[in-house]
């Protein structure tokens, strides 16, 4: 097989595989009409609920979600990701605001180990669009099983927005355009060599 043909086959294989190495990023910004988020990735892969009830509107929160979990009457709110979904999460971030003093945000890996524990500043910022939120972000090498807001009266008094997860490979992936340029340069070098040999 001529060297140019081998080179082109190698380049095509490299370009086709590079797309599979990219991480998946999912974001829920709660901007769509309620209750659309319930049928999106976050609603389908966690026990996160709307404080106002399934299929209900956003209340007086123009751009986020007054959250609740699936356990009523608890002072703490624990949001769990479905097993298969949380295992692949490598990065997590979200915005949150609360009317409650002394709230603690914690996130856990797949073994239940605490990944992050952060005091939440009471910002009372859920009544405007955009709201005034505290940003929380972290990474994990062992997935994310869920997060909790610890304190009292969390449900109905704490809002989240812009929940983003990265799933899969966190390695830097070369851009396909860069790979194409490398391939063109190698191809040109091969043609130049072939012409000199002829």
C-alpha atoms as a PDB file:
ATOM      1  CA  UNK A   1       0.000   0.000   0.000  1.00  0.00           C
ATOM      2  CA  UNK A   2       1.486   3.371  -0.964  1.00  0.00           C
ATOM      3  CA  UNK A   3       2.543   5.600   1.899  1.00  0.00           C
ATOM      4  CA  UNK A   4       0.117   8.376   0.934  1.00  0.00           C
ATOM      5  CA  UNK A   5      -2.832   5.994   1.099  1.00  0.00           C
ATOM      6  CA  UNK A   6      -1.695   4.757   4.540  1.00  0.00           C
ATOM      7  CA  UNK A   7      -1.346   8.342   5.681  1.00  0.00           C
ATOM      8  CA  UNK A   8      -4.853   9.276   4.558  1.00  0.00           C
ATOM      9  CA  UNK A   9      -6.380   6.193   6.194  1.00  0.00           C
ATOM     10  CA  UNK A  10      -4.574   6.981   9.465  1.00  0.00           C
ATOM     11  CA  UNK A  11      -5.738  10.596   9.322  1.00  0.00           C
ATOM     12  CA  UNK A  12      -9.358   9.580   8.690  1.00  0.00           C
ATOM     13  CA  UNK A  13      -9.252   7.116  11.597  1.00  0.00           C
ATOM     14  CA  UNK A  14      -7.785   9.741  13.930  1.00  0.00           C
ATOM     15  CA  UNK A  15     -10.399  12.327  12.994  1.00  0.00           C
ATOM     16  CA  UNK A  16     -13.267   9.892  13.445  1.00  0.00           C
ATOM     17  CA  UNK A  17     -12.079   8.754  16.890  1.00  0.00           C
ATOM     18  CA  UNK A  18     -11.384  12.213  18.285  1.00  0.00           C
ATOM     19  CA  UNK A  19     -15.105  12.987  18.592  1.00  0.00           C
ATOM     20  CA  UNK A  20     -15.623  10.043  20.958  1.00  0.00           C
ATOM     21  CA  UNK A  21     -13.048  11.304  23.483  1.00  0.00           C
ATOM     22  CA  UNK A  22     -14.867  14.573  24.180  1.00  0.00           C
ATOM     23  CA  UNK A  23     -16.648  14.907  27.528  1.00  0.00           C
ATOM     24  CA  UNK A  24     -20.404  15.510  27.571  1.00  0.00           C
ATOM     25  CA  UNK A  25     -21.591  18.725  29.227  1.00  0.00           C
ATOM     26  CA  UNK A  26     -25.222  19.005  30.360  1.00  0.00           C
ATOM     27  CA  UNK A  27     -26.784  22.231  31.665  1.00  0.00           C
ATOM     28  CA  UNK A  28     -30.194  22.946  33.171  1.00  0.00           C
ATOM     29  CA  UNK A  29     -30.903  26.664  33.457  1.00  0.00           C
ATOM     30  CA  UNK A  30     -34.651  26.418  34.203  1.00  0.00           C
ATOM     31  CA  UNK A  31     -35.340  29.081  31.542  1.00  0.00           C
ATOM     32  CA  UNK A  32     -37.873  26.994  29.585  1.00  0.00           C
ATOM     33  CA  UNK A  33     -41.524  27.211  30.577  1.00  0.00           C
ATOM     34  CA  UNK A  34     -42.214  25.094  33.639  1.00  0.00           C
ATOM     35  CA  UNK A  35     -42.417  22.120  34.056  1.00  0.00           C
ATOM     36  CA  UNK A  36     -40.188  21.377  30.992  1.00  0.00           C
ATOM     37  CA  UNK A  37     -37.111  20.734  33.181  1.00  0.00           C
ATOM     38  CA  UNK A  38     -38.817  17.692  34.735  1.00  0.00           C
ATOM     39  CA  UNK A  39     -38.498  15.776  31.453  1.00  0.00           C
ATOM     40  CA  UNK A  40     -34.904  16.916  30.785  1.00  0.00           C
ATOM     41  CA  UNK A  41     -31.708  15.250  32.019  1.00  0.00           C
ATOM     42  CA  UNK A  42     -31.786  16.680  35.568  1.00  0.00           C
ATOM     43  CA  UNK A  43     -35.415  15.823  36.261  1.00  0.00           C
ATOM     44  CA  UNK A  44     -35.048  12.324  34.830  1.00  0.00           C
ATOM     45  CA  UNK A  45     -31.770  11.447  36.596  1.00  0.00           C
ATOM     46  CA  UNK A  46     -32.298  12.713  40.151  1.00  0.00           C
ATOM     47  CA  UNK A  47     -34.846  13.027  42.926  1.00  0.00           C
ATOM     48  CA  UNK A  48     -34.838  16.825  42.559  1.00  0.00           C
ATOM     49  CA  UNK A  49     -38.306  18.287  42.829  1.00  0.00           C
ATOM     50  CA  UNK A  50     -40.125  21.579  42.505  1.00  0.00           C
ATOM     51  CA  UNK A  51     -41.227  22.895  45.906  1.00  0.00           C
ATOM     52  CA  UNK A  52     -44.560  23.858  44.335  1.00  0.00           C
ATOM     53  CA  UNK A  53     -45.214  20.292  43.166  1.00  0.00           C
ATOM     54  CA  UNK A  54     -44.782  18.078  40.114  1.00  0.00           C
ATOM     55  CA  UNK A  55     -45.866  19.805  36.930  1.00  0.00           C
ATOM     56  CA  UNK A  56     -46.296  23.170  38.641  1.00  0.00           C
ATOM     57  CA  UNK A  57     -44.918  26.619  37.858  1.00  0.00           C
ATOM     58  CA  UNK A  58     -41.945  28.417  39.307  1.00  0.00           C
ATOM     59  CA  UNK A  59     -43.776  30.543  41.865  1.00  0.00           C
ATOM     60  CA  UNK A  60     -42.144  33.926  42.458  1.00  0.00           C
ATOM     61  CA  UNK A  61     -38.740  32.780  41.152  1.00  0.00           C
ATOM     62  CA  UNK A  62     -38.233  34.110  37.595  1.00  0.00           C
ATOM     63  CA  UNK A  63     -35.118  32.129  36.642  1.00  0.00           C
ATOM     64  CA  UNK A  64     -34.389  29.246  39.031  1.00  0.00           C
ATOM     65  CA  UNK A  65     -36.075  26.463  40.982  1.00  0.00           C
ATOM     66  CA  UNK A  66     -37.254  26.431  44.588  1.00  0.00           C
ATOM     67  CA  UNK A  67     -35.953  22.961  45.300  1.00  0.00           C
ATOM     68  CA  UNK A  68     -37.110  20.008  47.347  1.00  0.00           C
ATOM     69  CA  UNK A  69     -36.163  16.347  47.582  1.00  0.00           C
ATOM     70  CA  UNK A  70     -38.381  13.264  47.838  1.00  0.00           C
ATOM     71  CA  UNK A  71     -38.467  13.179  51.666  1.00  0.00           C
ATOM     72  CA  UNK A  72     -41.077  15.464  53.189  1.00  0.00           C
ATOM     73  CA  UNK A  73     -40.687  17.003  56.607  1.00  0.00           C
ATOM     74  CA  UNK A  74     -36.885  16.889  56.704  1.00  0.00           C
ATOM     75  CA  UNK A  75     -34.776  19.902  57.663  1.00  0.00           C
ATOM     76  CA  UNK A  76     -32.022  18.798  55.292  1.00  0.00           C
ATOM     77  CA  UNK A  77     -32.474  18.383  51.548  1.00  0.00           C
ATOM     78  CA  UNK A  78     -30.543  15.617  49.783  1.00  0.00           C
ATOM     79  CA  UNK A  79     -30.568  15.403  45.975  1.00  0.00           C
ATOM     80  CA  UNK A  80     -29.357  12.026  44.682  1.00  0.00           C
ATOM     81  CA  UNK A  81     -28.357  11.186  41.128  1.00  0.00           C
ATOM     82  CA  UNK A  82     -29.472   7.871  39.656  1.00  0.00           C
ATOM     83  CA  UNK A  83     -26.687   5.266  39.992  1.00  0.00           C
ATOM     84  CA  UNK A  84     -25.675   4.965  36.342  1.00  0.00           C
ATOM     85  CA  UNK A  85     -25.886   8.714  35.782  1.00  0.00           C
ATOM     86  CA  UNK A  86     -23.851   9.932  38.764  1.00  0.00           C
ATOM     87  CA  UNK A  87     -21.025   7.426  38.264  1.00  0.00           C
ATOM     88  CA  UNK A  88     -19.815   9.250  35.130  1.00  0.00           C
ATOM     89  CA  UNK A  89     -19.945  12.814  36.483  1.00  0.00           C
ATOM     90  CA  UNK A  90     -16.460  14.323  36.536  1.00  0.00           C
ATOM     91  CA  UNK A  91     -17.356  17.999  37.028  1.00  0.00           C
ATOM     92  CA  UNK A  92     -20.288  19.753  38.701  1.00  0.00           C
ATOM     93  CA  UNK A  93     -21.332  23.358  39.111  1.00  0.00           C
ATOM     94  CA  UNK A  94     -24.452  25.290  40.012  1.00  0.00           C
ATOM     95  CA  UNK A  95     -25.710  28.557  41.406  1.00  0.00           C
ATOM     96  CA  UNK A  96     -27.692  28.716  44.636  1.00  0.00           C
ATOM     97  CA  UNK A  97     -29.271  31.263  46.907  1.00  0.00           C
ATOM     98  CA  UNK A  98     -31.137  30.971  50.189  1.00  0.00           C
ATOM     99  CA  UNK A  99     -33.146  32.913  52.736  1.00  0.00           C
ATOM    100  CA  UNK A 100     -31.950  30.578  55.500  1.00  0.00           C
ATOM    101  CA  UNK A 101     -28.986  31.346  57.773  1.00  0.00           C
ATOM    102  CA  UNK A 102     -26.238  28.785  58.445  1.00  0.00           C
ATOM    103  CA  UNK A 103     -26.811  26.547  55.416  1.00  0.00           C
ATOM    104  CA  UNK A 104     -24.080  24.138  54.389  1.00  0.00           C
ATOM    105  CA  UNK A 105     -23.711  22.736  50.849  1.00  0.00           C
ATOM    106  CA  UNK A 106     -22.094  19.298  50.628  1.00  0.00           C
ATOM    107  CA  UNK A 107     -21.494  17.004  47.658  1.00  0.00           C
ATOM    108  CA  UNK A 108     -20.625  13.310  47.742  1.00  0.00           C
ATOM    109  CA  UNK A 109     -18.798  10.878  45.472  1.00  0.00           C
ATOM    110  CA  UNK A 110     -20.015   7.381  44.583  1.00  0.00           C
ATOM    111  CA  UNK A 111     -18.614   5.949  47.822  1.00  0.00           C
ATOM    112  CA  UNK A 112     -20.383   8.563  49.960  1.00  0.00           C
ATOM    113  CA  UNK A 113     -17.185  10.502  50.658  1.00  0.00           C
ATOM    114  CA  UNK A 114     -17.575  14.266  50.969  1.00  0.00           C
ATOM    115  CA  UNK A 115     -16.165  16.023  47.906  1.00  0.00           C
ATOM    116  CA  UNK A 116     -16.850  19.566  49.052  1.00  0.00           C
ATOM    117  CA  UNK A 117     -18.411  21.287  52.063  1.00  0.00           C
ATOM    118  CA  UNK A 118     -19.152  24.997  51.654  1.00  0.00           C
ATOM    119  CA  UNK A 119     -21.078  27.521  53.748  1.00  0.00           C
ATOM    120  CA  UNK A 120     -23.884  29.079  51.709  1.00  0.00           C
ATOM    121  CA  UNK A 121     -24.195  32.833  51.943  1.00  0.00           C
ATOM    122  CA  UNK A 122     -27.779  33.996  52.382  1.00  0.00           C
ATOM    123  CA  UNK A 123     -28.290  36.223  49.341  1.00  0.00           C
ATOM    124  CA  UNK A 124     -32.087  36.450  49.066  1.00  0.00           C
ATOM    125  CA  UNK A 125     -31.452  36.677  45.327  1.00  0.00           C
ATOM    126  CA  UNK A 126     -34.173  34.573  43.722  1.00  0.00           C
ATOM    127  CA  UNK A 127     -36.684  37.329  42.945  1.00  0.00           C
ATOM    128  CA  UNK A 128     -34.904  38.930  39.973  1.00  0.00           C
ATOM    129  CA  UNK A 129     -33.822  37.710  36.533  1.00  0.00           C
ATOM    130  CA  UNK A 130     -30.971  37.196  36.567  1.00  0.00           C
ATOM    131  CA  UNK A 131     -30.941  36.310  40.230  1.00  0.00           C
ATOM    132  CA  UNK A 132     -28.150  36.900  42.724  1.00  0.00           C
ATOM    133  CA  UNK A 133     -26.600  33.501  43.367  1.00  0.00           C
ATOM    134  CA  UNK A 134     -23.527  31.944  44.956  1.00  0.00           C
ATOM    135  CA  UNK A 135     -21.592  29.785  42.484  1.00  0.00           C
ATOM    136  CA  UNK A 136     -20.388  26.322  43.561  1.00  0.00           C
ATOM    137  CA  UNK A 137     -18.125  24.099  41.443  1.00  0.00           C
ATOM    138  CA  UNK A 138     -15.935  21.040  41.943  1.00  0.00           C
ATOM    139  CA  UNK A 139     -14.511  18.003  40.160  1.00  0.00           C
ATOM    140  CA  UNK A 140     -14.489  14.317  41.045  1.00  0.00           C
ATOM    141  CA  UNK A 141     -12.470  11.305  39.995  1.00  0.00           C
ATOM    142  CA  UNK A 142     -15.103   8.972  41.480  1.00  0.00           C
ATOM    143  CA  UNK A 143     -18.418  10.295  40.181  1.00  0.00           C
ATOM    144  CA  UNK A 144     -21.000  12.334  42.087  1.00  0.00           C
ATOM    145  CA  UNK A 145     -23.772  10.510  43.945  1.00  0.00           C
ATOM    146  CA  UNK A 146     -25.534  13.717  44.933  1.00  0.00           C
ATOM    147  CA  UNK A 147     -25.494  16.882  46.986  1.00  0.00           C
ATOM    148  CA  UNK A 148     -27.158  18.116  50.157  1.00  0.00           C
ATOM    149  CA  UNK A 149     -28.185  21.400  51.685  1.00  0.00           C
ATOM    150  CA  UNK A 150     -27.931  21.093  55.438  1.00  0.00           C
ATOM    151  CA  UNK A 151     -29.660  23.464  57.835  1.00  0.00           C
ATOM    152  CA  UNK A 152     -33.315  24.057  58.491  1.00  0.00           C
ATOM    153  CA  UNK A 153     -36.306  24.950  56.345  1.00  0.00           C
ATOM    154  CA  UNK A 154     -34.308  24.474  53.123  1.00  0.00           C
ATOM    155  CA  UNK A 155     -37.244  23.483  50.924  1.00  0.00           C
ATOM    156  CA  UNK A 156     -39.105  26.490  49.557  1.00  0.00           C
ATOM    157  CA  UNK A 157     -36.440  28.871  50.870  1.00  0.00           C
ATOM    158  CA  UNK A 158     -33.486  27.821  48.720  1.00  0.00           C
ATOM    159  CA  UNK A 159     -33.234  28.220  44.961  1.00  0.00           C
ATOM    160  CA  UNK A 160     -30.843  26.651  42.446  1.00  0.00           C
ATOM    161  CA  UNK A 161     -30.028  27.630  38.865  1.00  0.00           C
ATOM    162  CA  UNK A 162     -27.578  26.805  36.064  1.00  0.00           C
ATOM    163  CA  UNK A 163     -26.868  23.225  37.144  1.00  0.00           C
ATOM    164  CA  UNK A 164     -24.066  21.889  34.912  1.00  0.00           C
ATOM    165  CA  UNK A 165     -22.364  18.499  34.899  1.00  0.00           C
ATOM    166  CA  UNK A 166     -19.457  17.198  32.867  1.00  0.00           C
ATOM    167  CA  UNK A 167     -19.625  13.486  32.159  1.00  0.00           C
ATOM    168  CA  UNK A 168     -16.902  11.256  30.809  1.00  0.00           C
ATOM    169  CA  UNK A 169     -13.280  11.810  29.845  1.00  0.00           C
ATOM    170  CA  UNK A 170     -11.702  14.996  31.260  1.00  0.00           C
ATOM    171  CA  UNK A 171      -8.574  14.780  29.108  1.00  0.00           C
ATOM    172  CA  UNK A 172      -7.713  17.558  26.704  1.00  0.00           C
ATOM    173  CA  UNK A 173      -8.840  16.536  23.251  1.00  0.00           C
ATOM    174  CA  UNK A 174      -7.195  17.968  20.126  1.00  0.00           C
ATOM    175  CA  UNK A 175      -9.510  19.989  17.960  1.00  0.00           C
ATOM    176  CA  UNK A 176     -10.489  18.222  14.728  1.00  0.00           C
ATOM    177  CA  UNK A 177      -9.374  21.305  12.772  1.00  0.00           C
ATOM    178  CA  UNK A 178      -5.878  21.063  14.280  1.00  0.00           C
ATOM    179  CA  UNK A 179      -5.723  17.389  13.385  1.00  0.00           C
ATOM    180  CA  UNK A 180      -6.786  18.218   9.837  1.00  0.00           C
ATOM    181  CA  UNK A 181      -3.995  20.793   9.539  1.00  0.00           C
ATOM    182  CA  UNK A 182      -1.451  18.264  10.786  1.00  0.00           C
ATOM    183  CA  UNK A 183      -2.796  15.763   8.265  1.00  0.00           C
ATOM    184  CA  UNK A 184      -2.542  18.276   5.428  1.00  0.00           C
ATOM    185  CA  UNK A 185       1.034  19.113   6.383  1.00  0.00           C
ATOM    186  CA  UNK A 186       1.983  15.433   6.469  1.00  0.00           C
ATOM    187  CA  UNK A 187       0.230  14.874   3.150  1.00  0.00           C
ATOM    188  CA  UNK A 188       2.072  17.791   1.546  1.00  0.00           C
ATOM    189  CA  UNK A 189       5.383  16.483   2.892  1.00  0.00           C
ATOM    190  CA  UNK A 190       4.572  13.041   1.474  1.00  0.00           C
ATOM    191  CA  UNK A 191       3.718  14.476  -1.945  1.00  0.00           C
ATOM    192  CA  UNK A 192       6.893  16.556  -1.996  1.00  0.00           C
ATOM    193  CA  UNK A 193       8.953  13.491  -1.128  1.00  0.00           C
ATOM    194  CA  UNK A 194       7.193  11.428  -3.776  1.00  0.00           C
ATOM    195  CA  UNK A 195       7.842  14.060  -6.470  1.00  0.00           C
ATOM    196  CA  UNK A 196      11.532  14.219  -5.530  1.00  0.00           C
ATOM    197  CA  UNK A 197      11.793  10.440  -5.723  1.00  0.00           C
ATOM    198  CA  UNK A 198      10.149  10.359  -9.168  1.00  0.00           C
END
